[in-house]
Protein backbone atom coordinates (compact mmCIF):
# COMPACT_ATOMS: atom_id res chain seq x y z
CA MET A 1 0.00 0.00 0.00
CA ILE A 2 1.32 3.44 -0.94
CA THR A 3 0.92 5.91 1.89
CA LYS A 4 0.83 9.63 1.33
CA LEU A 5 1.81 11.97 4.13
CA LYS A 6 -0.36 14.94 4.93
CA PHE A 7 1.41 18.28 5.29
CA GLU A 8 0.40 21.88 5.85
CA MET A 9 2.25 25.05 4.98
CA GLU A 10 1.41 28.56 6.15
CA PHE A 11 2.15 31.65 4.09
CA PRO A 12 1.54 35.19 5.41
CA ILE A 13 -0.04 37.28 2.64
CA GLN A 14 -0.68 41.01 2.59
CA ALA A 15 -4.19 40.93 1.15
CA SER A 16 -7.78 40.94 2.29
CA PRO A 17 -9.42 37.50 2.59
CA HIS A 18 -11.96 38.45 -0.09
CA MET A 19 -9.32 39.50 -2.60
CA LEU A 20 -7.08 36.51 -1.83
CA TYR A 21 -9.95 34.05 -2.23
CA GLN A 22 -10.58 35.27 -5.78
CA TYR A 23 -7.17 33.87 -6.76
CA PHE A 24 -7.85 30.28 -5.70
CA GLY A 25 -11.65 30.07 -5.59
CA SER A 26 -12.23 30.52 -9.32
CA PRO A 27 -10.80 29.11 -12.55
CA SER A 28 -9.77 32.56 -13.78
CA GLY A 29 -7.97 33.33 -10.52
CA LEU A 30 -6.13 29.99 -10.54
CA SER A 31 -5.13 30.59 -14.18
CA GLU A 32 -3.25 33.71 -13.13
CA TRP A 33 -0.72 31.92 -10.94
CA PHE A 34 -1.33 28.20 -10.39
CA ALA A 35 -1.68 26.66 -13.85
CA ASP A 36 -1.38 27.72 -17.48
CA ASN A 37 -5.16 27.52 -17.76
CA VAL A 38 -8.03 26.36 -15.57
CA ASN A 39 -11.58 25.58 -16.66
CA SER A 40 -14.53 24.33 -14.69
CA ARG A 41 -17.67 22.43 -15.39
CA GLY A 42 -19.71 22.49 -12.23
CA GLU A 43 -17.67 21.01 -9.40
CA VAL A 44 -14.95 19.63 -11.71
CA TYR A 45 -11.97 21.86 -12.49
CA THR A 46 -9.53 21.07 -15.30
CA PHE A 47 -5.98 22.29 -14.66
CA ILE A 48 -3.71 22.59 -17.71
CA TRP A 49 0.10 22.70 -17.50
CA ASN A 50 2.22 22.57 -20.68
CA GLY A 51 -0.65 20.94 -22.59
CA SER A 52 -1.19 18.26 -19.92
CA GLU A 53 -4.56 18.16 -18.16
CA GLU A 54 -5.42 17.14 -14.61
CA LYS A 55 -8.96 17.16 -13.25
CA ALA A 56 -10.02 17.83 -9.67
CA LYS A 57 -13.40 17.88 -7.98
CA VAL A 58 -14.39 20.50 -5.43
CA LEU A 59 -15.09 18.64 -2.19
CA GLN A 60 -15.85 21.63 0.00
CA GLU A 61 -16.05 25.37 -0.49
CA ARG A 62 -16.67 28.30 1.84
CA PRO A 63 -16.38 31.60 -0.07
CA ASP A 64 -13.69 33.95 1.25
CA GLU A 65 -12.45 31.16 3.55
CA LYS A 66 -11.45 27.89 1.84
CA ILE A 67 -11.76 25.47 -1.05
CA LYS A 68 -10.82 21.79 -1.00
CA PHE A 69 -10.10 19.71 -4.13
CA LYS A 70 -9.64 16.00 -4.84
CA TRP A 71 -7.58 14.96 -7.86
CA LEU A 72 -9.82 12.68 -9.95
CA ASN A 73 -7.01 10.67 -11.52
CA ASP A 74 -5.37 9.94 -8.14
CA GLY A 75 -5.65 6.17 -7.87
CA GLU A 76 -8.25 5.63 -10.62
CA ASP A 77 -6.09 3.03 -12.34
CA LYS A 78 -5.50 1.04 -9.16
CA THR A 79 -7.62 -1.98 -8.37
CA PHE A 80 -6.23 -2.79 -4.94
CA PHE A 81 -8.90 -2.05 -2.35
CA GLU A 82 -6.36 -1.00 0.31
CA PHE A 83 -4.72 1.50 -2.04
CA ARG A 84 -8.03 3.05 -3.03
CA ILE A 85 -8.98 3.64 0.63
CA GLU A 86 -5.67 5.39 1.32
CA VAL A 87 -5.82 7.52 -1.83
CA ASP A 88 -9.44 8.55 -1.21
CA LYS A 89 -8.35 10.31 1.98
CA THR A 90 -6.08 12.69 0.06
CA PHE A 91 -6.96 16.20 -1.07
CA PHE A 92 -5.44 19.63 -1.48
CA GLU A 93 -6.87 22.69 0.17
CA PHE A 94 -6.45 26.45 0.20
CA ARG A 95 -7.59 27.97 3.52
CA ILE A 96 -7.47 31.56 4.72
CA GLU A 97 -6.85 32.31 8.38
CA VAL A 98 -7.05 35.76 9.94
CA ASP A 99 -5.37 36.43 13.28
CA GLU A 100 -8.08 37.80 15.59
CA ILE A 101 -5.76 40.28 17.29
CA THR A 102 -3.38 41.48 14.56
CA LYS A 103 -5.75 40.85 11.61
CA ASP A 104 -2.78 39.35 9.72
CA VAL A 105 -3.90 37.12 6.84
CA SER A 106 -2.32 33.73 6.16
CA LEU A 107 -2.93 31.22 3.42
CA ILE A 108 -2.74 27.63 4.67
CA ILE A 109 -2.02 24.95 2.08
CA THR A 110 -2.86 21.35 2.94
CA ASP A 111 -1.65 18.62 0.59
CA PHE A 112 -0.40 15.04 0.54
CA ALA A 113 2.80 13.53 -0.87
CA GLU A 114 4.66 10.26 -0.81
CA GLU A 115 7.53 10.35 1.67
CA ASP A 116 10.24 10.47 -1.00
CA GLU A 117 8.43 13.36 -2.75
CA LEU A 118 7.61 15.43 0.34
CA GLU A 119 10.40 18.00 -0.02
CA ASP A 120 9.70 18.42 -3.75
CA SER A 121 6.01 18.98 -2.99
CA LYS A 122 6.83 21.61 -0.38
CA MET A 123 9.19 23.35 -2.83
CA PHE A 124 6.43 23.27 -5.47
CA TRP A 125 4.05 25.07 -3.09
CA GLU A 126 6.67 27.62 -2.05
CA ASN A 127 7.27 28.46 -5.72
CA GLN A 128 3.55 28.63 -6.50
CA ILE A 129 2.81 30.89 -3.53
CA ASP A 130 5.73 33.15 -4.52
CA GLU A 131 4.05 33.44 -7.92
CA LEU A 132 0.71 34.18 -6.26
CA LYS A 133 2.30 36.94 -4.16
CA ARG A 134 3.85 38.47 -7.29
CA THR A 135 0.52 38.28 -9.08
CA ILE A 136 -1.41 40.08 -6.36
CA GLY A 137 1.40 42.45 -5.46
CA ALA A 138 1.63 41.24 -1.87
C-alpha cells in the first residue's frame, strides 16, 4: 500500500481574505498563478500545465475562507482495495486564516505527498505561492 503523508504550509499574505480568495476560488484566478489555464464544469476543475490536463473535484467550499479539491485521476487506475482507501483520503486545500488580534492574513495549504516526494512537494508550493504573491502584489 502506498501511503501519502499529509502536510500543511502557512504563508503570510498582505491581502484581504476576499481579494485573496478570488485567486484560488475561481478558474480565472487559478489561471493567473497556479496553472497555465483552468476551466470548470460544475464542481470539476480542469488544470492545464504545458498541454497536460489534470482534473479535480471541489469537495468543499466556503467563499472567502477555503476550497478543498480532490484529484480525480489519483488512484483511478488502481484496483487494490487497500490502495483506493488510502488515496481517497487525500486532497489539497487552500484555507485563509485571519489572526483575531493582529488581523494578519495567512494562506494555509494542505496537501499530501509520498515520503520520497515530500520536499519536492513543499518546494512546489513555495514556488507557487511566490508566484501568487507576485501576481497580487503582496
